[in-house]
Amino acid sequence: MSELVPAIRPSPRQPVFAPGGSFLVPTPRIDARPLVSGAEIHLKAVDLSKTYRRGQVDIPVLRGVNLQVRRGEFLAIIGASGSGKSTLLHLLGTLDAPDAGEVHMQGERIDNLPSSRRDALRNREFGMIFQFYHLLPEMTALENVLSPLLISSSIWGYLRHRRKHLQTARSLIEMVGLAHREKHRPRELSGGEMQRCAIARALASGPQVLLADEPTGNLDRATGDEILRILQNLNRRENLTIVMVTHDLAIAAKADRIVRLVEGRVETA
């Protein structure tokens, strides 16, 4: 991959693209991390609780979780299997609703917004990466990356900006090293290639926050390390806020800060 051009810090609501639509291409080198301790609170969970019912049995998963994530922070959440890591991530991204408590983004409560506003929030403000990729099997890699841009536009709006959207998607495909695979469907890609495609798709709308649920869980160590280098560079060079769930402490150690979920509550690791 080509060398990174000098970093450009976007404003909170700007996509992470350089002028002209090109994406800042990361390299394995990681620059010194600027301190984020004084940054504003970007995402906050307040006394979140969630219980699931299995048959006649209530299964408490989260029991009053409190968590703050600062702008530009790379936060890792770890915990034993079944500790509620993915549940917490889904609540932060408004994919699910808490039984009690609140989720705030930039000082605004978001968990109780109307469904249309939560849909728009997930499309434009959150990027999401999952362990099992969730690529659309009938679409090519390029079409999968384009899908958030298509969803956020009317058909006529998409057609009017089609050239710009294609440029954005191709820049992202190149950024993750898949330019030679853009016409391939998911079944023709390796696990690492599918995850890189999923990262590109998560970035298509220029999100403020990237939520990653076990992003290396299905990958070998070398491929997983490459995925982490991509995430680290996005965080360091573009000040992208990242919240990553993992069961692997070695992977979590790549983040700025680690918190541990124990019996449904957050403890500092």
Protein backbone atom coordinates (compact mmCIF):
# COMPACT_ATOMS: atom_id res chain seq x y z
CA MET A 1 0.00 0.00 0.00
CA SER A 2 1.12 3.53 -0.67
CA GLU A 3 2.55 5.91 1.91
CA LEU A 4 0.22 7.94 4.08
CA VAL A 5 -0.12 11.57 3.09
CA PRO A 6 0.16 14.09 5.95
CA ALA A 7 -2.66 13.66 8.44
CA ILE A 8 -5.73 15.85 8.10
CA ARG A 9 -7.87 16.14 11.21
CA PRO A 10 -11.55 16.23 10.23
CA SER A 11 -14.12 18.20 12.12
CA PRO A 12 -16.50 16.06 14.21
CA ARG A 13 -19.02 15.65 11.40
CA GLN A 14 -16.67 15.43 8.40
CA PRO A 15 -15.77 12.10 6.80
CA VAL A 16 -12.17 11.00 7.14
CA PHE A 17 -11.21 11.87 3.58
CA ALA A 18 -8.55 14.16 2.19
CA PRO A 19 -9.56 16.97 -0.18
CA GLY A 20 -10.67 15.64 -3.55
CA GLY A 21 -12.24 12.54 -2.06
CA SER A 22 -9.13 10.41 -1.61
CA PHE A 23 -8.82 8.45 1.60
CA LEU A 24 -5.73 8.71 3.76
CA VAL A 25 -4.06 5.36 3.20
CA PRO A 26 -2.57 3.77 6.33
CA THR A 27 0.77 2.02 6.54
CA PRO A 28 1.94 -0.34 9.28
CA ARG A 29 3.90 2.47 10.94
CA ILE A 30 2.15 3.87 14.02
CA ASP A 31 2.90 7.42 15.08
CA ALA A 32 3.06 8.58 18.69
CA ARG A 33 -0.44 8.71 20.14
CA PRO A 34 -1.71 12.15 21.12
CA LEU A 35 -3.23 12.22 24.59
CA VAL A 36 -7.02 12.14 24.66
CA SER A 37 -7.46 12.52 28.42
CA GLY A 38 -8.68 16.10 28.03
CA ALA A 39 -10.93 15.43 25.05
CA GLU A 40 -14.69 15.78 25.27
CA ILE A 41 -16.86 12.83 26.21
CA HIS A 42 -17.95 11.37 22.88
CA LEU A 43 -20.04 8.40 23.99
CA LYS A 44 -21.44 7.64 27.45
CA ALA A 45 -23.39 4.82 29.07
CA VAL A 46 -25.28 5.67 32.24
CA ASP A 47 -26.51 2.84 34.51
CA LEU A 48 -27.27 0.52 31.58
CA SER A 49 -29.12 -2.66 32.46
CA LYS A 50 -30.25 -5.46 30.16
CA THR A 51 -31.94 -8.77 30.93
CA TYR A 52 -32.88 -11.47 28.44
CA ARG A 53 -35.58 -14.08 28.95
CA ARG A 54 -35.00 -17.72 28.03
CA GLY A 55 -38.23 -19.61 28.49
CA GLN A 56 -39.36 -18.78 32.01
CA VAL A 57 -35.88 -17.78 33.16
CA ASP A 58 -34.59 -14.20 33.33
CA ILE A 59 -30.89 -13.87 32.48
CA PRO A 60 -29.40 -10.56 33.68
CA VAL A 61 -26.55 -9.56 31.35
CA LEU A 62 -25.76 -5.94 32.22
CA ARG A 63 -26.31 -4.61 35.74
CA GLY A 64 -25.90 -0.85 35.81
CA VAL A 65 -22.98 -0.30 33.43
CA ASN A 66 -21.35 3.13 33.49
CA LEU A 67 -18.81 3.97 30.78
CA GLN A 68 -17.34 7.08 29.17
CA VAL A 69 -15.47 7.16 25.86
CA ARG A 70 -13.56 10.30 24.90
CA ARG A 71 -13.32 11.64 21.37
CA GLY A 72 -10.41 10.05 19.55
CA GLU A 73 -10.00 7.24 22.08
CA PHE A 74 -9.38 3.61 21.15
CA LEU A 75 -11.15 1.66 23.90
CA ALA A 76 -11.12 -2.13 24.29
CA ILE A 77 -13.81 -3.96 26.27
CA ILE A 78 -12.84 -7.41 27.48
CA GLY A 79 -14.56 -10.08 29.55
CA ALA A 80 -15.40 -13.75 29.75
CA SER A 81 -17.75 -15.36 27.26
CA GLY A 82 -21.31 -14.34 28.12
CA SER A 83 -20.20 -11.31 30.13
CA GLY A 84 -22.30 -8.96 27.99
CA LYS A 85 -19.56 -7.40 25.83
CA SER A 86 -21.52 -7.63 22.60
CA THR A 87 -24.73 -6.59 24.35
CA LEU A 88 -23.03 -3.43 25.61
CA LEU A 89 -21.70 -2.65 22.12
CA HIS A 90 -25.17 -3.12 20.63
CA LEU A 91 -26.68 -0.78 23.22
CA LEU A 92 -24.03 1.87 22.54
CA GLY A 93 -24.78 1.67 18.83
CA THR A 94 -28.59 1.69 19.37
CA LEU A 95 -28.95 -1.75 17.77
CA ASP A 96 -30.79 -2.76 20.94
CA ALA A 97 -32.53 -0.84 23.72
CA PRO A 98 -31.64 -1.03 27.42
CA ASP A 99 -34.17 -2.10 30.02
CA ALA A 100 -32.92 0.79 32.16
CA GLY A 101 -30.28 3.49 31.84
CA GLU A 102 -29.27 5.85 29.05
CA VAL A 103 -26.82 6.19 26.16
CA HIS A 104 -25.50 9.65 25.26
CA MET A 105 -23.52 10.82 22.23
CA GLN A 106 -21.93 14.26 22.40
CA GLY A 107 -24.21 15.18 25.29
CA GLU A 108 -27.45 14.10 23.60
CA ARG A 109 -29.40 11.05 24.72
CA ILE A 110 -29.74 8.68 21.78
CA ASP A 111 -31.21 5.40 23.06
CA ASN A 112 -34.74 6.85 23.22
CA LEU A 113 -34.76 8.62 19.86
CA PRO A 114 -37.49 7.74 17.33
CA SER A 115 -36.55 4.71 15.23
CA SER A 116 -36.03 6.81 12.10
CA ARG A 117 -33.47 8.98 13.86
CA ARG A 118 -31.71 5.94 15.32
CA ASP A 119 -31.58 4.41 11.84
CA ALA A 120 -30.01 7.61 10.48
CA LEU A 121 -27.58 7.72 13.40
CA ARG A 122 -26.37 4.18 12.69
CA ASN A 123 -26.03 4.93 9.01
CA ARG A 124 -24.12 8.21 9.33
CA GLU A 125 -22.51 8.49 12.76
CA PHE A 126 -21.65 4.89 13.65
CA GLY A 127 -19.56 2.45 11.67
CA MET A 128 -19.96 -1.17 12.75
CA ILE A 129 -17.71 -4.20 12.25
CA PHE A 130 -18.82 -7.67 13.25
CA GLN A 131 -16.99 -10.94 13.84
CA PHE A 132 -18.94 -12.69 11.07
CA TYR A 133 -18.59 -9.83 8.55
CA HIS A 134 -22.30 -9.71 7.51
CA LEU A 135 -21.46 -8.90 3.90
CA LEU A 136 -24.30 -9.26 1.40
CA PRO A 137 -23.44 -12.45 -0.52
CA GLU A 138 -24.99 -11.44 -3.84
CA MET A 139 -22.98 -8.19 -4.00
CA THR A 140 -19.38 -7.62 -4.99
CA ALA A 141 -16.89 -6.14 -2.54
CA LEU A 142 -17.34 -2.73 -4.16
CA GLU A 143 -21.13 -2.97 -4.01
CA ASN A 144 -21.00 -3.97 -0.34
CA VAL A 145 -18.93 -0.87 0.43
CA LEU A 146 -21.37 1.27 -1.57
CA SER A 147 -24.42 -0.09 0.28
CA PRO A 148 -24.44 2.44 3.20
CA LEU A 149 -24.28 5.30 0.69
CA LEU A 150 -27.18 3.81 -1.26
CA ILE A 151 -29.23 3.32 1.93
CA SER A 152 -28.68 6.92 3.03
CA SER A 153 -29.84 8.38 -0.30
CA SER A 154 -32.95 8.32 -2.40
CA ILE A 155 -32.52 6.51 -5.71
CA TRP A 156 -32.36 9.82 -7.56
CA GLY A 157 -29.99 11.29 -5.01
CA TYR A 158 -27.70 8.27 -5.32
CA LEU A 159 -27.72 8.46 -9.13
CA ARG A 160 -27.00 12.19 -9.01
CA HIS A 161 -23.91 11.59 -6.84
CA ARG A 162 -23.01 8.17 -8.24
CA ARG A 163 -19.56 9.20 -9.49
CA LYS A 164 -18.64 10.70 -6.10
CA HIS A 165 -19.94 7.63 -4.25
CA LEU A 166 -17.95 5.32 -6.52
CA GLN A 167 -14.82 7.37 -5.91
CA THR A 168 -15.40 7.16 -2.15
CA ALA A 169 -15.96 3.39 -2.23
CA ARG A 170 -12.95 2.73 -4.47
CA SER A 171 -10.73 4.86 -2.23
CA LEU A 172 -11.81 2.79 0.76
CA ILE A 173 -11.35 -0.49 -1.10
CA GLU A 174 -7.83 0.63 -2.01
CA MET A 175 -7.17 1.76 1.57
CA VAL A 176 -7.80 -1.76 2.90
CA GLY A 177 -5.76 -3.35 0.11
CA LEU A 178 -8.61 -4.87 -1.91
CA ALA A 179 -8.43 -2.87 -5.14
CA HIS A 180 -7.68 -6.07 -7.06
CA ARG A 181 -10.72 -7.80 -5.51
CA GLU A 182 -13.42 -5.14 -5.87
CA LYS A 183 -15.45 -7.23 -8.36
CA HIS A 184 -15.29 -10.42 -6.24
CA ARG A 185 -18.22 -11.61 -4.13
CA PRO A 186 -17.75 -12.59 -0.47
CA ARG A 187 -17.57 -16.33 -1.26
CA GLU A 188 -14.51 -15.58 -3.39
CA LEU A 189 -12.70 -13.73 -0.58
CA SER A 190 -10.66 -15.04 2.35
CA GLY A 191 -11.70 -14.31 5.93
CA GLY A 192 -9.19 -11.48 6.20
CA GLU A 193 -10.34 -10.00 2.91
CA MET A 194 -13.98 -10.14 4.01
CA GLN A 195 -13.10 -8.34 7.25
CA ARG A 196 -11.16 -5.66 5.36
CA CYS A 197 -14.18 -5.23 3.09
CA ALA A 198 -16.37 -4.91 6.19
CA ILE A 199 -14.06 -2.19 7.55
CA ALA A 200 -14.28 -0.28 4.27
CA ARG A 201 -18.07 -0.56 4.35
CA ALA A 202 -18.17 0.68 7.97
CA LEU A 203 -16.24 3.80 6.91
CA ALA A 204 -18.28 4.61 3.80
CA SER A 205 -20.44 7.26 5.46
CA GLY A 206 -17.54 8.93 7.29
CA PRO A 207 -18.65 7.89 10.80
CA GLN A 208 -17.57 9.55 14.03
CA VAL A 209 -17.47 6.30 16.01
CA LEU A 210 -16.38 2.82 14.94
CA LEU A 211 -17.84 -0.10 16.95
CA ALA A 212 -15.94 -3.36 16.42
CA ASP A 213 -17.28 -6.66 17.80
CA GLU A 214 -14.48 -9.26 17.89
CA PRO A 215 -13.05 -7.94 14.58
CA THR A 216 -10.21 -10.51 14.59
CA GLY A 217 -12.14 -13.40 16.16
CA ASN A 218 -12.29 -15.52 12.98
CA LEU A 219 -8.81 -14.67 11.71
CA ASP A 220 -5.35 -16.10 12.16
CA ARG A 221 -2.90 -14.06 14.22
CA ALA A 222 -1.02 -12.51 11.27
CA THR A 223 -4.23 -11.47 9.49
CA GLY A 224 -5.69 -10.22 12.76
CA ASP A 225 -2.61 -8.09 13.37
CA GLU A 226 -3.04 -6.50 9.94
CA ILE A 227 -6.68 -5.67 10.73
CA LEU A 228 -5.57 -4.10 14.03
CA ARG A 229 -2.93 -2.01 12.22
CA ILE A 230 -5.66 -0.63 9.97
CA LEU A 231 -7.80 0.25 13.00
CA GLN A 232 -4.87 1.78 14.88
CA ASN A 233 -3.95 3.98 11.94
CA LEU A 234 -7.53 5.16 11.51
CA ASN A 235 -7.62 6.03 15.20
CA ARG A 236 -4.24 7.77 15.34
CA ARG A 237 -4.23 9.52 11.99
CA GLU A 238 -7.91 10.44 11.72
CA ASN A 239 -8.84 10.75 15.40
CA LEU A 240 -11.60 8.19 14.85
CA THR A 241 -13.19 7.05 18.11
CA ILE A 242 -13.11 3.24 18.30
CA VAL A 243 -14.79 0.91 20.79
CA MET A 244 -13.65 -2.68 20.30
CA VAL A 245 -14.92 -5.81 22.02
CA THR A 246 -12.52 -8.75 22.30
CA HIS A 247 -11.87 -11.77 24.50
CA ASP A 248 -8.11 -11.61 23.75
CA LEU A 249 -6.05 -9.52 26.15
CA ALA A 250 -3.13 -9.36 23.68
CA ILE A 251 -5.43 -7.74 21.12
CA ALA A 252 -6.96 -5.44 23.72
CA ALA A 253 -3.46 -4.25 24.64
CA LYS A 254 -3.28 -2.45 21.28
CA ALA A 255 -5.93 -0.01 22.49
CA ASP A 256 -5.42 3.18 24.51
CA ARG A 257 -7.48 1.89 27.43
CA ILE A 258 -9.02 -1.39 28.53
CA VAL A 259 -12.14 -1.95 30.60
CA ARG A 260 -13.33 -5.33 31.79
CA LEU A 261 -16.90 -6.53 32.16
CA VAL A 262 -17.35 -8.59 35.31
CA GLU A 263 -20.78 -9.85 36.40
CA GLY A 264 -22.50 -7.23 34.26
CA ARG A 265 -20.50 -4.25 35.51
CA VAL A 266 -17.47 -2.39 34.17
CA GLU A 267 -14.16 -2.64 35.98
CA THR A 268 -10.87 -1.08 34.87
CA ALA A 269 -8.59 -3.83 33.56
